[in-house]
Amino acid sequence: MITEDEVNKLLSENEALFRFMGAKFEKVERGVAKLSFEYKEELSRIGGMLHGAIIFAAMDYSGSYAVRTLDVKEAYTLEFNVVFLKAMKIPPFTFLARVVRETKRYAYVEVEGFDGNNELCAKGNGIWHLIRD
């Protein structure tokens, strides 16, 4: 199984958005991934809150790597829904993803986004298509 350090190295070297966000995985274990990053003005929208597209990207990254801890060769996001509950203004921002159901071909994932006060600010859920050997 891939470790936090391996995921951080892989994404930092290969994905400009991950680098731009300043994101870092704190936890990667079977069916779970936790990602966090600090506030940067470039990640915000008018009003100083974290931009919804950045929240979505963080949820997709964390969900994807929760799924990649399963016994899969590859996985792709098929569908993802986000509910924005509260403006994310206080860093650090943390996203926790959990695989809640796994079948032969699909994984169903829930992701929660928290601000620096540990308040739930966004909730998402998605479906990933799994490719197994």
N, C-alpha and C. Protein backbone atom coordinates (compact mmCIF):
# COMPACT_ATOMS: atom_id res chain seq x y z
N MET A 1 0.85 -1.19 0.00
CA MET A 1 0.00 0.00 0.00
C MET A 1 0.89 1.25 0.00
N ILE A 2 0.44 2.28 -0.67
CA ILE A 2 1.18 3.52 -0.79
C ILE A 2 1.14 4.30 0.53
N THR A 3 2.25 4.95 0.87
CA THR A 3 2.34 5.71 2.12
C THR A 3 2.09 7.20 1.87
N GLU A 4 1.91 7.94 2.95
CA GLU A 4 1.72 9.39 2.85
C GLU A 4 2.89 10.03 2.12
N ASP A 5 4.12 9.65 2.50
CA ASP A 5 5.30 10.23 1.87
C ASP A 5 5.34 9.94 0.38
N GLU A 6 4.98 8.73 -0.01
CA GLU A 6 4.98 8.36 -1.43
C GLU A 6 3.93 9.15 -2.21
N VAL A 7 2.75 9.31 -1.63
CA VAL A 7 1.69 10.07 -2.29
C VAL A 7 2.11 11.53 -2.43
N ASN A 8 2.62 12.12 -1.36
CA ASN A 8 3.05 13.52 -1.40
C ASN A 8 4.15 13.74 -2.44
N LYS A 9 5.10 12.83 -2.51
CA LYS A 9 6.19 12.93 -3.50
C LYS A 9 5.63 12.81 -4.92
N LEU A 10 4.81 11.80 -5.14
CA LEU A 10 4.22 11.56 -6.47
C LEU A 10 3.44 12.78 -6.96
N LEU A 11 2.56 13.30 -6.12
CA LEU A 11 1.71 14.41 -6.54
C LEU A 11 2.49 15.72 -6.63
N SER A 12 3.42 15.94 -5.73
CA SER A 12 4.23 17.16 -5.77
C SER A 12 5.08 17.23 -7.03
N GLU A 13 5.54 16.09 -7.48
CA GLU A 13 6.39 16.05 -8.68
C GLU A 13 5.59 16.05 -9.97
N ASN A 14 4.32 15.63 -9.94
CA ASN A 14 3.57 15.42 -11.17
C ASN A 14 2.30 16.22 -11.35
N GLU A 15 1.82 16.89 -10.31
CA GLU A 15 0.56 17.62 -10.43
C GLU A 15 0.72 19.06 -9.96
N ALA A 16 0.63 19.97 -10.92
CA ALA A 16 0.80 21.40 -10.63
C ALA A 16 -0.25 21.92 -9.66
N LEU A 17 -1.49 21.44 -9.78
CA LEU A 17 -2.55 21.92 -8.89
C LEU A 17 -2.24 21.54 -7.44
N PHE A 18 -1.79 20.32 -7.22
CA PHE A 18 -1.44 19.87 -5.87
C PHE A 18 -0.34 20.76 -5.29
N ARG A 19 0.69 21.03 -6.10
CA ARG A 19 1.79 21.93 -5.66
C ARG A 19 1.25 23.32 -5.37
N PHE A 20 0.42 23.84 -6.28
CA PHE A 20 -0.13 25.19 -6.14
C PHE A 20 -0.94 25.33 -4.85
N MET A 21 -1.71 24.30 -4.53
CA MET A 21 -2.51 24.32 -3.31
C MET A 21 -1.64 24.26 -2.05
N GLY A 22 -0.45 23.71 -2.18
CA GLY A 22 0.39 23.50 -0.99
C GLY A 22 -0.14 22.36 -0.14
N ALA A 23 -0.85 21.42 -0.78
CA ALA A 23 -1.49 20.32 -0.06
C ALA A 23 -0.47 19.27 0.38
N LYS A 24 -0.85 18.57 1.44
CA LYS A 24 -0.02 17.48 1.96
C LYS A 24 -0.93 16.44 2.59
N PHE A 25 -0.69 15.17 2.25
CA PHE A 25 -1.42 14.09 2.89
C PHE A 25 -0.80 13.82 4.25
N GLU A 26 -1.64 13.79 5.28
CA GLU A 26 -1.21 13.47 6.64
C GLU A 26 -1.44 12.01 6.97
N LYS A 27 -2.42 11.39 6.29
CA LYS A 27 -2.76 10.01 6.57
C LYS A 27 -3.23 9.34 5.29
N VAL A 28 -2.71 8.15 5.05
CA VAL A 28 -3.17 7.30 3.95
C VAL A 28 -3.13 5.87 4.48
N GLU A 29 -4.30 5.29 4.69
CA GLU A 29 -4.39 3.91 5.14
C GLU A 29 -5.61 3.29 4.48
N ARG A 30 -5.77 2.01 4.60
CA ARG A 30 -6.84 1.31 3.85
C ARG A 30 -8.19 2.00 4.02
N GLY A 31 -8.68 2.54 2.89
CA GLY A 31 -10.00 3.15 2.86
C GLY A 31 -10.11 4.53 3.46
N VAL A 32 -8.98 5.14 3.85
CA VAL A 32 -9.00 6.45 4.50
C VAL A 32 -7.84 7.29 4.00
N ALA A 33 -8.10 8.58 3.79
CA ALA A 33 -7.03 9.52 3.45
C ALA A 33 -7.38 10.88 4.04
N LYS A 34 -6.35 11.55 4.56
CA LYS A 34 -6.53 12.87 5.16
C LYS A 34 -5.51 13.82 4.54
N LEU A 35 -6.02 14.94 4.03
CA LEU A 35 -5.21 15.94 3.34
C LEU A 35 -5.40 17.28 4.01
N SER A 36 -4.36 18.11 4.04
CA SER A 36 -4.51 19.44 4.62
C SER A 36 -3.63 20.44 3.89
N PHE A 37 -3.98 21.71 4.06
CA PHE A 37 -3.17 22.79 3.51
C PHE A 37 -3.52 24.10 4.21
N GLU A 38 -2.64 25.07 4.06
CA GLU A 38 -2.81 26.38 4.68
C GLU A 38 -3.51 27.35 3.72
N TYR A 39 -3.90 28.49 4.24
CA TYR A 39 -4.53 29.53 3.44
C TYR A 39 -3.49 30.22 2.56
N LYS A 40 -3.86 30.46 1.32
CA LYS A 40 -3.10 31.31 0.41
C LYS A 40 -4.13 32.17 -0.31
N GLU A 41 -3.82 33.43 -0.49
CA GLU A 41 -4.76 34.33 -1.16
C GLU A 41 -5.16 33.81 -2.54
N GLU A 42 -4.24 33.16 -3.23
CA GLU A 42 -4.51 32.64 -4.57
C GLU A 42 -5.56 31.53 -4.57
N LEU A 43 -5.85 30.95 -3.43
CA LEU A 43 -6.84 29.88 -3.32
C LEU A 43 -8.22 30.39 -2.91
N SER A 44 -8.32 31.71 -2.72
CA SER A 44 -9.57 32.26 -2.20
C SER A 44 -10.37 32.97 -3.29
N ARG A 45 -11.61 33.22 -2.96
CA ARG A 45 -12.49 34.00 -3.82
C ARG A 45 -12.74 35.34 -3.14
N ILE A 46 -13.50 36.19 -3.79
CA ILE A 46 -13.85 37.48 -3.18
C ILE A 46 -14.46 37.23 -1.81
N GLY A 47 -14.03 37.96 -0.82
CA GLY A 47 -14.51 37.78 0.54
C GLY A 47 -13.53 36.99 1.40
N GLY A 48 -12.42 36.54 0.79
CA GLY A 48 -11.37 35.88 1.55
C GLY A 48 -11.66 34.45 1.96
N MET A 49 -12.67 33.84 1.35
CA MET A 49 -12.97 32.45 1.69
C MET A 49 -12.37 31.52 0.65
N LEU A 50 -12.12 30.29 1.04
CA LEU A 50 -11.58 29.29 0.14
C LEU A 50 -12.53 29.09 -1.04
N HIS A 51 -11.99 29.09 -2.24
CA HIS A 51 -12.79 28.95 -3.45
C HIS A 51 -13.38 27.55 -3.53
N GLY A 52 -14.63 27.46 -3.99
CA GLY A 52 -15.31 26.17 -4.10
C GLY A 52 -14.58 25.18 -4.98
N ALA A 53 -13.92 25.66 -6.03
CA ALA A 53 -13.16 24.76 -6.91
C ALA A 53 -11.98 24.13 -6.17
N ILE A 54 -11.39 24.87 -5.27
CA ILE A 54 -10.27 24.34 -4.47
C ILE A 54 -10.80 23.33 -3.47
N ILE A 55 -11.95 23.60 -2.88
CA ILE A 55 -12.58 22.64 -1.96
C ILE A 55 -12.87 21.35 -2.71
N PHE A 56 -13.45 21.47 -3.91
CA PHE A 56 -13.73 20.27 -4.71
C PHE A 56 -12.44 19.51 -5.02
N ALA A 57 -11.40 20.22 -5.44
CA ALA A 57 -10.13 19.55 -5.76
C ALA A 57 -9.58 18.81 -4.55
N ALA A 58 -9.63 19.43 -3.38
CA ALA A 58 -9.13 18.79 -2.16
C ALA A 58 -9.95 17.54 -1.84
N MET A 59 -11.25 17.61 -2.04
CA MET A 59 -12.11 16.45 -1.78
C MET A 59 -11.82 15.34 -2.79
N ASP A 60 -11.61 15.70 -4.04
CA ASP A 60 -11.32 14.70 -5.06
C ASP A 60 -9.96 14.04 -4.81
N TYR A 61 -8.96 14.83 -4.46
CA TYR A 61 -7.65 14.26 -4.12
C TYR A 61 -7.76 13.29 -2.95
N SER A 62 -8.40 13.73 -1.87
CA SER A 62 -8.47 12.87 -0.68
C SER A 62 -9.31 11.63 -0.96
N GLY A 63 -10.43 11.78 -1.65
CA GLY A 63 -11.24 10.62 -2.01
C GLY A 63 -10.50 9.65 -2.90
N SER A 64 -9.78 10.18 -3.88
CA SER A 64 -9.03 9.34 -4.81
C SER A 64 -7.98 8.50 -4.09
N TYR A 65 -7.29 9.10 -3.14
CA TYR A 65 -6.24 8.33 -2.48
C TYR A 65 -6.77 7.43 -1.37
N ALA A 66 -7.96 7.69 -0.86
CA ALA A 66 -8.62 6.70 0.00
C ALA A 66 -8.95 5.47 -0.83
N VAL A 67 -9.40 5.69 -2.06
CA VAL A 67 -9.75 4.59 -2.96
C VAL A 67 -8.50 3.83 -3.41
N ARG A 68 -7.43 4.54 -3.67
CA ARG A 68 -6.21 3.89 -4.16
C ARG A 68 -5.53 3.00 -3.12
N THR A 69 -5.99 3.07 -1.88
CA THR A 69 -5.46 2.16 -0.85
C THR A 69 -6.12 0.79 -0.94
N LEU A 70 -7.17 0.68 -1.73
CA LEU A 70 -7.84 -0.60 -1.91
C LEU A 70 -7.00 -1.43 -2.89
N ASP A 71 -7.37 -2.64 -3.10
CA ASP A 71 -6.63 -3.52 -4.00
C ASP A 71 -7.03 -3.21 -5.44
N VAL A 72 -6.51 -2.09 -5.97
CA VAL A 72 -6.85 -1.65 -7.32
C VAL A 72 -5.60 -1.31 -8.11
N LYS A 73 -5.71 -1.44 -9.41
CA LYS A 73 -4.65 -1.03 -10.32
C LYS A 73 -4.78 0.46 -10.63
N GLU A 74 -6.03 0.91 -10.80
CA GLU A 74 -6.34 2.30 -11.12
C GLU A 74 -7.76 2.59 -10.65
N ALA A 75 -8.08 3.87 -10.48
CA ALA A 75 -9.43 4.27 -10.09
C ALA A 75 -9.71 5.65 -10.68
N TYR A 76 -10.96 5.85 -11.09
CA TYR A 76 -11.37 7.11 -11.69
C TYR A 76 -12.65 7.61 -11.04
N THR A 77 -12.71 8.92 -10.79
CA THR A 77 -13.92 9.51 -10.25
C THR A 77 -15.01 9.51 -11.32
N LEU A 78 -16.15 8.93 -11.00
CA LEU A 78 -17.29 8.93 -11.92
C LEU A 78 -18.26 10.06 -11.61
N GLU A 79 -18.48 10.28 -10.33
CA GLU A 79 -19.46 11.28 -9.90
C GLU A 79 -19.04 11.80 -8.54
N PHE A 80 -19.27 13.09 -8.32
CA PHE A 80 -18.96 13.65 -7.02
C PHE A 80 -19.89 14.83 -6.75
N ASN A 81 -20.45 14.85 -5.55
CA ASN A 81 -21.36 15.91 -5.13
C ASN A 81 -20.80 16.59 -3.88
N VAL A 82 -20.94 17.91 -3.83
CA VAL A 82 -20.45 18.67 -2.67
C VAL A 82 -21.58 19.55 -2.15
N VAL A 83 -21.68 19.60 -0.84
CA VAL A 83 -22.56 20.55 -0.16
C VAL A 83 -21.66 21.48 0.64
N PHE A 84 -21.74 22.77 0.35
CA PHE A 84 -20.94 23.78 1.06
C PHE A 84 -21.78 24.27 2.24
N LEU A 85 -21.33 23.95 3.45
CA LEU A 85 -22.11 24.24 4.64
C LEU A 85 -21.75 25.56 5.31
N LYS A 86 -20.48 25.95 5.19
CA LYS A 86 -19.98 27.15 5.87
C LYS A 86 -18.75 27.63 5.12
N ALA A 87 -18.56 28.94 5.05
CA ALA A 87 -17.38 29.50 4.39
C ALA A 87 -16.12 29.01 5.09
N MET A 88 -15.15 28.58 4.30
CA MET A 88 -13.87 28.12 4.86
C MET A 88 -12.89 29.28 4.80
N LYS A 89 -12.64 29.89 5.98
CA LYS A 89 -11.76 31.05 6.06
C LYS A 89 -10.59 30.83 7.00
N ILE A 90 -10.75 29.95 7.97
CA ILE A 90 -9.75 29.79 9.01
C ILE A 90 -8.90 28.54 8.74
N PRO A 91 -7.62 28.72 8.45
CA PRO A 91 -6.76 27.56 8.20
C PRO A 91 -6.27 26.93 9.50
N PRO A 92 -5.68 25.76 9.42
CA PRO A 92 -5.48 24.95 8.22
C PRO A 92 -6.78 24.27 7.82
N PHE A 93 -6.89 23.99 6.52
CA PHE A 93 -8.05 23.29 5.96
C PHE A 93 -7.72 21.81 5.89
N THR A 94 -8.64 20.98 6.34
CA THR A 94 -8.41 19.54 6.41
C THR A 94 -9.57 18.81 5.74
N PHE A 95 -9.22 17.78 4.98
CA PHE A 95 -10.22 16.98 4.26
C PHE A 95 -9.99 15.51 4.58
N LEU A 96 -11.03 14.88 5.10
CA LEU A 96 -10.96 13.48 5.51
C LEU A 96 -11.90 12.66 4.65
N ALA A 97 -11.33 11.67 3.96
CA ALA A 97 -12.11 10.81 3.06
C ALA A 97 -12.15 9.40 3.61
N ARG A 98 -13.33 8.78 3.49
CA ARG A 98 -13.51 7.39 3.93
C ARG A 98 -14.29 6.61 2.88
N VAL A 99 -13.78 5.46 2.52
CA VAL A 99 -14.53 4.56 1.64
C VAL A 99 -15.61 3.92 2.51
N VAL A 100 -16.87 4.10 2.14
CA VAL A 100 -17.96 3.56 2.94
C VAL A 100 -18.52 2.26 2.36
N ARG A 101 -18.27 2.02 1.07
CA ARG A 101 -18.70 0.77 0.46
C ARG A 101 -17.83 0.50 -0.75
N GLU A 102 -17.43 -0.75 -0.87
CA GLU A 102 -16.59 -1.18 -1.98
C GLU A 102 -17.22 -2.41 -2.62
N THR A 103 -17.36 -2.37 -3.94
CA THR A 103 -17.81 -3.54 -4.69
C THR A 103 -16.67 -3.94 -5.63
N LYS A 104 -16.92 -4.91 -6.47
CA LYS A 104 -15.88 -5.34 -7.41
C LYS A 104 -15.45 -4.20 -8.34
N ARG A 105 -16.41 -3.37 -8.76
CA ARG A 105 -16.11 -2.35 -9.75
C ARG A 105 -16.23 -0.90 -9.27
N TYR A 106 -16.79 -0.69 -8.08
CA TYR A 106 -17.04 0.68 -7.63
C TYR A 106 -16.68 0.87 -6.15
N ALA A 107 -16.34 2.11 -5.83
CA ALA A 107 -16.15 2.49 -4.43
C ALA A 107 -16.99 3.73 -4.17
N TYR A 108 -17.67 3.75 -3.04
CA TYR A 108 -18.49 4.87 -2.62
C TYR A 108 -17.78 5.55 -1.46
N VAL A 109 -17.55 6.85 -1.60
CA VAL A 109 -16.68 7.57 -0.68
C VAL A 109 -17.40 8.79 -0.11
N GLU A 110 -17.18 9.05 1.18
CA GLU A 110 -17.65 10.28 1.81
C GLU A 110 -16.43 11.09 2.21
N VAL A 111 -16.52 12.42 2.00
CA VAL A 111 -15.41 13.31 2.34
C VAL A 111 -15.97 14.49 3.14
N GLU A 112 -15.27 14.84 4.20
CA GLU A 112 -15.65 15.99 5.02
C GLU A 112 -14.51 17.01 4.99
N GLY A 113 -14.88 18.29 4.89
CA GLY A 113 -13.90 19.38 4.90
C GLY A 113 -14.07 20.22 6.15
N PHE A 114 -12.98 20.42 6.86
CA PHE A 114 -13.00 21.15 8.13
C PHE A 114 -12.09 22.38 8.05
N ASP A 115 -12.46 23.42 8.80
CA ASP A 115 -11.59 24.58 8.90
C ASP A 115 -10.67 24.42 10.12
N GLY A 116 -9.89 25.46 10.40
CA GLY A 116 -8.92 25.41 11.50
C GLY A 116 -9.55 25.32 12.87
N ASN A 117 -10.84 25.61 12.99
CA ASN A 117 -11.57 25.44 14.25
C ASN A 117 -12.19 24.06 14.35
N ASN A 118 -11.86 23.18 13.41
CA ASN A 118 -12.40 21.83 13.32
C ASN A 118 -13.92 21.83 13.12
N GLU A 119 -14.43 22.88 12.47
CA GLU A 119 -15.86 22.95 12.14
C GLU A 119 -16.08 22.35 10.76
N LEU A 120 -17.12 21.54 10.64
CA LEU A 120 -17.47 20.95 9.35
C LEU A 120 -17.98 22.06 8.43
N CYS A 121 -17.30 22.25 7.31
CA CYS A 121 -17.64 23.32 6.37
C CYS A 121 -18.15 22.81 5.03
N ALA A 122 -17.79 21.59 4.67
CA ALA A 122 -18.24 21.02 3.40
C ALA A 122 -18.32 19.50 3.55
N LYS A 123 -19.29 18.94 2.85
CA LYS A 123 -19.47 17.49 2.88
C LYS A 123 -19.68 17.03 1.45
N GLY A 124 -18.98 15.97 1.08
CA GLY A 124 -19.10 15.46 -0.27
C GLY A 124 -19.22 13.95 -0.28
N ASN A 125 -19.71 13.44 -1.40
CA ASN A 125 -19.75 12.00 -1.59
C ASN A 125 -19.58 11.71 -3.07
N GLY A 126 -18.94 10.59 -3.35
CA GLY A 126 -18.68 10.28 -4.74
C GLY A 126 -18.57 8.80 -5.01
N ILE A 127 -18.51 8.51 -6.29
CA ILE A 127 -18.37 7.13 -6.76
C ILE A 127 -17.13 7.07 -7.64
N TRP A 128 -16.29 6.09 -7.36
CA TRP A 128 -15.09 5.86 -8.16
C TRP A 128 -15.22 4.52 -8.87
N HIS A 129 -14.81 4.49 -10.13
CA HIS A 129 -14.74 3.24 -10.89
C HIS A 129 -13.39 2.61 -10.60
N LEU A 130 -13.42 1.34 -10.24
CA LEU A 130 -12.19 0.62 -9.87
C LEU A 130 -11.74 -0.28 -11.02
N ILE A 131 -10.45 -0.25 -11.28
CA ILE A 131 -9.85 -1.15 -12.25
C ILE A 131 -8.92 -2.07 -11.48
N ARG A 132 -9.22 -3.31 -11.51
CA ARG A 132 -8.43 -4.31 -10.79
C ARG A 132 -7.63 -5.13 -11.79
N ASP A 133 -6.57 -5.76 -11.34
CA ASP A 133 -5.75 -6.59 -12.24
C ASP A 133 -6.53 -7.69 -12.88
